[in-house]
């Protein structure tokens, strides 16, 4: 099995962390390829960053037609629908994967993310996936995404404090970590708090392996049909369908 993981931001250290977490979760024989674009925002913190990350994220997917499945390694599930149009391989967002896994092991799960500006997008996705009623709340640790890459940062402590509040105040029975850059914290935080703490990267790898094993592809009927061939102008000519 060949799984492509695309980190939509341009921060290489985060891409390497994501790749390492994915490799730990992968079954023997599964090949993980973790990539990120060279052009775009260094982190995705809200709707504005997201827009500028999507074109080159799609470009990375188009470079790897051999992939049996694709994982979008941003918790907002950045460009997920567009990515499903770009390939027949199954495409999984790490937010979507984390939510679904948590719903299987807890009556109510909480989400702890980075900044409060990310909360609306996450709440929107929970509604879209039909899991809003299973979520006890989405909390922000107010840790900027790139602080997760800084040695000596207090990011882990701030995330842990928010998990405490999610359990004690919101009655969360499991926690989904709301950023791919938190992928290396899940096991430690689960032991610390005594509840399942899920990383969306690992969850997405296991979902991808299941879809590949069943031979399932993205449906090309309806909204996920391949884009019609046409010529884009200007800076977006590179992304023209059929080029």
C-alpha atoms as a PDB file:
ATOM      1  CA  UNK A   1       0.000   0.000   0.000  1.00  0.00           C
ATOM      2  CA  UNK A   2       1.277   3.461  -0.934  1.00  0.00           C
ATOM      3  CA  UNK A   3      -0.174   6.316   1.124  1.00  0.00           C
ATOM      4  CA  UNK A   4       0.583   9.916   0.240  1.00  0.00           C
ATOM      5  CA  UNK A   5       0.324  12.424   3.076  1.00  0.00           C
ATOM      6  CA  UNK A   6       0.167  16.068   2.045  1.00  0.00           C
ATOM      7  CA  UNK A   7       0.845  18.728   4.642  1.00  0.00           C
ATOM      8  CA  UNK A   8      -0.778  21.781   3.021  1.00  0.00           C
ATOM      9  CA  UNK A   9       1.597  24.221   4.719  1.00  0.00           C
ATOM     10  CA  UNK A  10       5.232  24.748   3.726  1.00  0.00           C
ATOM     11  CA  UNK A  11       6.917  23.999   7.088  1.00  0.00           C
ATOM     12  CA  UNK A  12       9.259  21.085   6.475  1.00  0.00           C
ATOM     13  CA  UNK A  13       9.849  20.199  10.123  1.00  0.00           C
ATOM     14  CA  UNK A  14       6.112  19.702  10.596  1.00  0.00           C
ATOM     15  CA  UNK A  15       5.922  17.532   7.480  1.00  0.00           C
ATOM     16  CA  UNK A  16       8.687  15.322   8.850  1.00  0.00           C
ATOM     17  CA  UNK A  17       6.892  15.026  12.204  1.00  0.00           C
ATOM     18  CA  UNK A  18       3.675  14.083  10.430  1.00  0.00           C
ATOM     19  CA  UNK A  19       5.486  11.491   8.323  1.00  0.00           C
ATOM     20  CA  UNK A  20       7.060   9.939  11.418  1.00  0.00           C
ATOM     21  CA  UNK A  21       3.695   9.699  13.197  1.00  0.00           C
ATOM     22  CA  UNK A  22       2.130   8.145  10.112  1.00  0.00           C
ATOM     23  CA  UNK A  23       4.915   5.580   9.782  1.00  0.00           C
ATOM     24  CA  UNK A  24       4.454   4.511  13.411  1.00  0.00           C
ATOM     25  CA  UNK A  25       0.748   3.915  12.782  1.00  0.00           C
ATOM     26  CA  UNK A  26       1.189   2.162   9.435  1.00  0.00           C
ATOM     27  CA  UNK A  27       1.089  -1.598   9.025  1.00  0.00           C
ATOM     28  CA  UNK A  28       4.200  -3.492   7.861  1.00  0.00           C
ATOM     29  CA  UNK A  29       4.521  -3.094   4.125  1.00  0.00           C
ATOM     30  CA  UNK A  30       2.650   0.215   3.956  1.00  0.00           C
ATOM     31  CA  UNK A  31       4.798   2.893   2.330  1.00  0.00           C
ATOM     32  CA  UNK A  32       4.272   6.424   3.669  1.00  0.00           C
ATOM     33  CA  UNK A  33       5.308   9.408   1.551  1.00  0.00           C
ATOM     34  CA  UNK A  34       4.950  12.755   3.333  1.00  0.00           C
ATOM     35  CA  UNK A  35       5.208  15.907   1.227  1.00  0.00           C
ATOM     36  CA  UNK A  36       4.416  19.600   1.419  1.00  0.00           C
ATOM     37  CA  UNK A  37       4.342  22.334  -1.225  1.00  0.00           C
ATOM     38  CA  UNK A  38       7.152  24.816  -1.626  1.00  0.00           C
ATOM     39  CA  UNK A  39       4.710  27.674  -2.198  1.00  0.00           C
ATOM     40  CA  UNK A  40       2.021  28.826   0.225  1.00  0.00           C
ATOM     41  CA  UNK A  41       1.525  29.709   3.892  1.00  0.00           C
ATOM     42  CA  UNK A  42       3.924  28.319   6.537  1.00  0.00           C
ATOM     43  CA  UNK A  43       0.918  27.489   8.712  1.00  0.00           C
ATOM     44  CA  UNK A  44      -2.839  27.346   8.227  1.00  0.00           C
ATOM     45  CA  UNK A  45      -4.613  29.396  10.856  1.00  0.00           C
ATOM     46  CA  UNK A  46      -8.043  30.256   9.570  1.00  0.00           C
ATOM     47  CA  UNK A  47      -9.949  30.666   6.347  1.00  0.00           C
ATOM     48  CA  UNK A  48      -7.567  33.136   4.705  1.00  0.00           C
ATOM     49  CA  UNK A  49      -4.479  30.892   4.950  1.00  0.00           C
ATOM     50  CA  UNK A  50      -6.527  27.940   3.766  1.00  0.00           C
ATOM     51  CA  UNK A  51      -7.382  29.510   0.423  1.00  0.00           C
ATOM     52  CA  UNK A  52      -3.740  30.086  -0.485  1.00  0.00           C
ATOM     53  CA  UNK A  53      -2.703  26.576   0.556  1.00  0.00           C
ATOM     54  CA  UNK A  54      -5.126  24.635  -1.625  1.00  0.00           C
ATOM     55  CA  UNK A  55      -3.767  25.112  -5.192  1.00  0.00           C
ATOM     56  CA  UNK A  56      -0.256  23.853  -4.467  1.00  0.00           C
ATOM     57  CA  UNK A  57      -1.620  21.116  -2.208  1.00  0.00           C
ATOM     58  CA  UNK A  58      -3.580  19.858  -5.233  1.00  0.00           C
ATOM     59  CA  UNK A  59      -0.387  20.203  -7.254  1.00  0.00           C
ATOM     60  CA  UNK A  60       1.402  17.836  -4.858  1.00  0.00           C
ATOM     61  CA  UNK A  61      -1.373  15.263  -5.229  1.00  0.00           C
ATOM     62  CA  UNK A  62      -1.107  15.444  -9.006  1.00  0.00           C
ATOM     63  CA  UNK A  63       2.622  14.696  -8.767  1.00  0.00           C
ATOM     64  CA  UNK A  64       1.910  11.313  -7.155  1.00  0.00           C
ATOM     65  CA  UNK A  65      -0.525   9.340  -9.346  1.00  0.00           C
ATOM     66  CA  UNK A  66       0.882   6.109  -7.873  1.00  0.00           C
ATOM     67  CA  UNK A  67      -0.663   6.772  -4.456  1.00  0.00           C
ATOM     68  CA  UNK A  68      -3.297   4.246  -3.371  1.00  0.00           C
ATOM     69  CA  UNK A  69      -4.755   6.793  -0.925  1.00  0.00           C
ATOM     70  CA  UNK A  70      -4.167  10.413   0.020  1.00  0.00           C
ATOM     71  CA  UNK A  71      -4.299  12.025   3.461  1.00  0.00           C
ATOM     72  CA  UNK A  72      -4.744  15.782   3.908  1.00  0.00           C
ATOM     73  CA  UNK A  73      -2.704  16.590   7.027  1.00  0.00           C
ATOM     74  CA  UNK A  74      -4.471  19.730   8.184  1.00  0.00           C
ATOM     75  CA  UNK A  75      -7.140  19.454  10.863  1.00  0.00           C
ATOM     76  CA  UNK A  76      -9.466  21.863   9.035  1.00  0.00           C
ATOM     77  CA  UNK A  77      -9.538  19.251   6.222  1.00  0.00           C
ATOM     78  CA  UNK A  78      -8.237  21.940   3.901  1.00  0.00           C
ATOM     79  CA  UNK A  79      -9.346  21.489   0.296  1.00  0.00           C
ATOM     80  CA  UNK A  80     -10.727  18.011   0.960  1.00  0.00           C
ATOM     81  CA  UNK A  81     -13.526  18.163  -1.603  1.00  0.00           C
ATOM     82  CA  UNK A  82     -11.248  19.592  -4.290  1.00  0.00           C
ATOM     83  CA  UNK A  83      -8.687  16.876  -3.596  1.00  0.00           C
ATOM     84  CA  UNK A  84     -11.352  14.203  -4.053  1.00  0.00           C
ATOM     85  CA  UNK A  85     -12.081  15.664  -7.479  1.00  0.00           C
ATOM     86  CA  UNK A  86      -8.378  15.566  -8.369  1.00  0.00           C
ATOM     87  CA  UNK A  87      -7.830  11.818  -7.906  1.00  0.00           C
ATOM     88  CA  UNK A  88      -9.699   8.540  -7.957  1.00  0.00           C
ATOM     89  CA  UNK A  89      -7.751   7.376  -4.904  1.00  0.00           C
ATOM     90  CA  UNK A  90      -9.613   7.731  -1.585  1.00  0.00           C
ATOM     91  CA  UNK A  91      -8.788  11.032   0.143  1.00  0.00           C
ATOM     92  CA  UNK A  92      -9.099  11.392   3.917  1.00  0.00           C
ATOM     93  CA  UNK A  93      -8.862  14.506   6.060  1.00  0.00           C
ATOM     94  CA  UNK A  94      -7.252  14.082   9.459  1.00  0.00           C
ATOM     95  CA  UNK A  95     -10.050  16.006  11.157  1.00  0.00           C
ATOM     96  CA  UNK A  96     -12.674  13.749   9.621  1.00  0.00           C
ATOM     97  CA  UNK A  97     -10.663  10.653  10.590  1.00  0.00           C
ATOM     98  CA  UNK A  98     -10.142  11.763  14.186  1.00  0.00           C
ATOM     99  CA  UNK A  99     -13.834  12.573  14.660  1.00  0.00           C
ATOM    100  CA  UNK A 100     -14.992   9.219  13.319  1.00  0.00           C
ATOM    101  CA  UNK A 101     -12.525   7.203  15.382  1.00  0.00           C
ATOM    102  CA  UNK A 102     -13.448   9.108  18.543  1.00  0.00           C
ATOM    103  CA  UNK A 103     -17.157   8.524  17.919  1.00  0.00           C
ATOM    104  CA  UNK A 104     -16.502   4.772  17.966  1.00  0.00           C
ATOM    105  CA  UNK A 105     -14.900   4.715  21.414  1.00  0.00           C
ATOM    106  CA  UNK A 106     -16.648   7.483  23.369  1.00  0.00           C
ATOM    107  CA  UNK A 107     -20.171   8.765  23.814  1.00  0.00           C
ATOM    108  CA  UNK A 108     -18.892  12.350  23.758  1.00  0.00           C
ATOM    109  CA  UNK A 109     -15.515  13.556  22.536  1.00  0.00           C
ATOM    110  CA  UNK A 110     -13.863  16.941  22.827  1.00  0.00           C
ATOM    111  CA  UNK A 111     -11.521  18.699  20.429  1.00  0.00           C
ATOM    112  CA  UNK A 112      -8.500  20.724  21.538  1.00  0.00           C
ATOM    113  CA  UNK A 113      -7.042  22.840  18.755  1.00  0.00           C
ATOM    114  CA  UNK A 114      -4.542  25.681  18.377  1.00  0.00           C
ATOM    115  CA  UNK A 115      -6.144  29.131  18.014  1.00  0.00           C
ATOM    116  CA  UNK A 116      -9.741  30.203  18.575  1.00  0.00           C
ATOM    117  CA  UNK A 117      -9.990  31.378  14.955  1.00  0.00           C
ATOM    118  CA  UNK A 118      -9.919  27.687  13.950  1.00  0.00           C
ATOM    119  CA  UNK A 119     -12.980  26.804  16.017  1.00  0.00           C
ATOM    120  CA  UNK A 120     -15.651  27.883  13.469  1.00  0.00           C
ATOM    121  CA  UNK A 121     -14.150  25.747  10.689  1.00  0.00           C
ATOM    122  CA  UNK A 122     -13.941  22.722  12.973  1.00  0.00           C
ATOM    123  CA  UNK A 123     -17.500  23.195  14.214  1.00  0.00           C
ATOM    124  CA  UNK A 124     -18.686  23.536  10.613  1.00  0.00           C
ATOM    125  CA  UNK A 125     -16.993  20.241   9.712  1.00  0.00           C
ATOM    126  CA  UNK A 126     -18.545  18.454  12.692  1.00  0.00           C
ATOM    127  CA  UNK A 127     -21.988  19.487  11.436  1.00  0.00           C
ATOM    128  CA  UNK A 128     -21.112  18.499   7.898  1.00  0.00           C
ATOM    129  CA  UNK A 129     -19.935  15.037   8.985  1.00  0.00           C
ATOM    130  CA  UNK A 130     -23.033  14.521  11.143  1.00  0.00           C
ATOM    131  CA  UNK A 131     -21.024  14.354  14.377  1.00  0.00           C
ATOM    132  CA  UNK A 132     -21.783  17.693  16.044  1.00  0.00           C
ATOM    133  CA  UNK A 133     -24.078  16.021  18.584  1.00  0.00           C
ATOM    134  CA  UNK A 134     -21.248  13.685  19.613  1.00  0.00           C
ATOM    135  CA  UNK A 135     -18.806  16.521  20.326  1.00  0.00           C
ATOM    136  CA  UNK A 136     -18.795  17.991  23.837  1.00  0.00           C
ATOM    137  CA  UNK A 137     -17.026  21.123  22.632  1.00  0.00           C
ATOM    138  CA  UNK A 138     -14.134  22.556  20.645  1.00  0.00           C
ATOM    139  CA  UNK A 139     -11.505  24.337  22.730  1.00  0.00           C
ATOM    140  CA  UNK A 140      -8.497  26.420  21.724  1.00  0.00           C
ATOM    141  CA  UNK A 141      -5.203  26.223  23.584  1.00  0.00           C
ATOM    142  CA  UNK A 142      -4.176  29.565  21.997  1.00  0.00           C
ATOM    143  CA  UNK A 143      -0.939  27.981  20.777  1.00  0.00           C
ATOM    144  CA  UNK A 144       0.102  29.280  17.330  1.00  0.00           C
ATOM    145  CA  UNK A 145       0.740  26.380  14.965  1.00  0.00           C
ATOM    146  CA  UNK A 146       4.436  27.155  14.493  1.00  0.00           C
ATOM    147  CA  UNK A 147       4.992  27.196  18.273  1.00  0.00           C
ATOM    148  CA  UNK A 148       4.502  23.439  18.120  1.00  0.00           C
ATOM    149  CA  UNK A 149       7.831  23.303  16.268  1.00  0.00           C
ATOM    150  CA  UNK A 150       9.790  25.402  18.790  1.00  0.00           C
ATOM    151  CA  UNK A 151      12.106  23.561  21.215  1.00  0.00           C
ATOM    152  CA  UNK A 152      11.321  24.582  24.777  1.00  0.00           C
ATOM    153  CA  UNK A 153       7.837  25.859  23.902  1.00  0.00           C
ATOM    154  CA  UNK A 154       5.129  25.569  26.562  1.00  0.00           C
ATOM    155  CA  UNK A 155       2.692  24.376  23.895  1.00  0.00           C
ATOM    156  CA  UNK A 156       2.272  20.884  25.371  1.00  0.00           C
ATOM    157  CA  UNK A 157       1.471  22.327  28.807  1.00  0.00           C
ATOM    158  CA  UNK A 158      -1.155  24.661  27.379  1.00  0.00           C
ATOM    159  CA  UNK A 159      -2.752  21.873  25.365  1.00  0.00           C
ATOM    160  CA  UNK A 160      -2.770  19.637  28.441  1.00  0.00           C
ATOM    161  CA  UNK A 161      -4.469  22.339  30.515  1.00  0.00           C
ATOM    162  CA  UNK A 162      -7.219  22.656  27.915  1.00  0.00           C
ATOM    163  CA  UNK A 163      -7.703  18.884  27.902  1.00  0.00           C
ATOM    164  CA  UNK A 164      -8.202  19.070  31.680  1.00  0.00           C
ATOM    165  CA  UNK A 165     -10.951  21.636  31.175  1.00  0.00           C
ATOM    166  CA  UNK A 166     -12.583  19.638  28.375  1.00  0.00           C
ATOM    167  CA  UNK A 167     -12.811  16.616  30.669  1.00  0.00           C
ATOM    168  CA  UNK A 168     -13.864  18.413  33.868  1.00  0.00           C
ATOM    169  CA  UNK A 169     -16.129  21.127  32.429  1.00  0.00           C
ATOM    170  CA  UNK A 170     -17.422  19.678  29.143  1.00  0.00           C
ATOM    171  CA  UNK A 171     -17.476  16.025  30.303  1.00  0.00           C
ATOM    172  CA  UNK A 172     -15.474  14.838  27.308  1.00  0.00           C
ATOM    173  CA  UNK A 173     -14.774  11.104  27.369  1.00  0.00           C
ATOM    174  CA  UNK A 174     -12.082  11.241  24.674  1.00  0.00           C
ATOM    175  CA  UNK A 175     -10.056  14.031  23.097  1.00  0.00           C
ATOM    176  CA  UNK A 176      -9.189  14.642  19.459  1.00  0.00           C
ATOM    177  CA  UNK A 177      -6.075  16.771  18.976  1.00  0.00           C
ATOM    178  CA  UNK A 178      -6.944  19.541  16.534  1.00  0.00           C
ATOM    179  CA  UNK A 179      -3.701  20.031  14.625  1.00  0.00           C
ATOM    180  CA  UNK A 180      -1.366  17.772  12.651  1.00  0.00           C
ATOM    181  CA  UNK A 181       1.545  19.407  14.477  1.00  0.00           C
ATOM    182  CA  UNK A 182       0.291  17.769  17.705  1.00  0.00           C
ATOM    183  CA  UNK A 183       0.761  14.274  16.264  1.00  0.00           C
ATOM    184  CA  UNK A 184       3.635  13.387  18.587  1.00  0.00           C
ATOM    185  CA  UNK A 185       1.713  14.295  21.771  1.00  0.00           C
ATOM    186  CA  UNK A 186      -1.238  11.897  21.688  1.00  0.00           C
ATOM    187  CA  UNK A 187       0.201   8.919  23.573  1.00  0.00           C
ATOM    188  CA  UNK A 188       1.742  11.000  26.346  1.00  0.00           C
ATOM    189  CA  UNK A 189      -1.409  13.064  26.855  1.00  0.00           C
ATOM    190  CA  UNK A 190      -3.594   9.960  26.896  1.00  0.00           C
ATOM    191  CA  UNK A 191      -1.511   8.466  29.701  1.00  0.00           C
ATOM    192  CA  UNK A 192      -1.485  11.763  31.569  1.00  0.00           C
ATOM    193  CA  UNK A 193      -5.249  12.335  31.471  1.00  0.00           C
ATOM    194  CA  UNK A 194      -6.559   8.780  31.588  1.00  0.00           C
ATOM    195  CA  UNK A 195      -8.792   9.108  28.515  1.00  0.00           C
ATOM    196  CA  UNK A 196      -8.196   8.229  24.859  1.00  0.00           C
ATOM    197  CA  UNK A 197      -6.389  11.077  23.088  1.00  0.00           C
ATOM    198  CA  UNK A 198      -6.536  10.687  19.334  1.00  0.00           C
ATOM    199  CA  UNK A 199      -4.206  12.025  16.673  1.00  0.00           C
ATOM    200  CA  UNK A 200      -5.907  12.509  13.324  1.00  0.00           C
ATOM    201  CA  UNK A 201      -2.795  11.538  11.362  1.00  0.00           C
ATOM    202  CA  UNK A 202      -2.650   8.025  12.830  1.00  0.00           C
ATOM    203  CA  UNK A 203      -6.426   7.666  12.533  1.00  0.00           C
ATOM    204  CA  UNK A 204      -6.311   8.651   8.864  1.00  0.00           C
ATOM    205  CA  UNK A 205      -3.565   6.102   8.129  1.00  0.00           C
ATOM    206  CA  UNK A 206      -5.662   3.260   9.521  1.00  0.00           C
ATOM    207  CA  UNK A 207      -8.750   4.427   7.610  1.00  0.00           C
ATOM    208  CA  UNK A 208      -6.704   4.695   4.418  1.00  0.00           C
ATOM    209  CA  UNK A 209      -5.363   1.174   4.834  1.00  0.00           C
ATOM    210  CA  UNK A 210      -8.912  -0.123   5.288  1.00  0.00           C
ATOM    211  CA  UNK A 211     -10.192   1.600   2.159  1.00  0.00           C
ATOM    212  CA  UNK A 212      -7.242   0.372   0.112  1.00  0.00           C
ATOM    213  CA  UNK A 213      -7.682  -3.160   1.448  1.00  0.00           C
ATOM    214  CA  UNK A 214     -11.322  -3.155   0.362  1.00  0.00           C
ATOM    215  CA  UNK A 215     -10.400  -1.829  -3.066  1.00  0.00           C
ATOM    216  CA  UNK A 216     -12.552   1.272  -2.656  1.00  0.00           C
ATOM    217  CA  UNK A 217     -12.067   4.405  -4.751  1.00  0.00           C
ATOM    218  CA  UNK A 218     -13.592   7.881  -4.714  1.00  0.00           C
ATOM    219  CA  UNK A 219     -16.903   7.912  -6.566  1.00  0.00           C
ATOM    220  CA  UNK A 220     -16.793   9.957  -9.736  1.00  0.00           C
ATOM    221  CA  UNK A 221     -20.545  10.412  -9.897  1.00  0.00           C
ATOM    222  CA  UNK A 222     -21.811  13.806  -8.798  1.00  0.00           C
ATOM    223  CA  UNK A 223     -19.715  16.326  -6.904  1.00  0.00           C
ATOM    224  CA  UNK A 224     -16.459  14.367  -6.901  1.00  0.00           C
ATOM    225  CA  UNK A 225     -16.394  13.913 -10.673  1.00  0.00           C
ATOM    226  CA  UNK A 226     -13.099  14.838 -12.303  1.00  0.00           C
ATOM    227  CA  UNK A 227     -13.043  18.524 -13.324  1.00  0.00           C
ATOM    228  CA  UNK A 228     -13.919  19.271 -16.921  1.00  0.00           C
ATOM    229  CA  UNK A 229     -10.934  20.045 -19.108  1.00  0.00           C
ATOM    230  CA  UNK A 230     -10.410  23.762 -19.531  1.00  0.00           C
ATOM    231  CA  UNK A 231      -7.606  26.296 -19.592  1.00  0.00           C
ATOM    232  CA  UNK A 232      -7.039  28.444 -16.517  1.00  0.00           C
ATOM    233  CA  UNK A 233      -5.387  31.826 -16.958  1.00  0.00           C
ATOM    234  CA  UNK A 234      -2.482  33.590 -15.304  1.00  0.00           C
ATOM    235  CA  UNK A 235      -0.805  32.092 -12.247  1.00  0.00           C
ATOM    236  CA  UNK A 236      -3.303  29.210 -12.161  1.00  0.00           C
ATOM    237  CA  UNK A 237      -2.533  27.883 -15.661  1.00  0.00           C
ATOM    238  CA  UNK A 238      -0.399  25.176 -14.048  1.00  0.00           C
ATOM    239  CA  UNK A 239      -3.505  23.727 -12.381  1.00  0.00           C
ATOM    240  CA  UNK A 240      -5.690  23.579 -15.501  1.00  0.00           C
ATOM    241  CA  UNK A 241      -7.741  20.348 -15.580  1.00  0.00           C
ATOM    242  CA  UNK A 242      -6.289  17.951 -18.100  1.00  0.00           C
ATOM    243  CA  UNK A 243      -2.923  19.692 -18.282  1.00  0.00           C
END
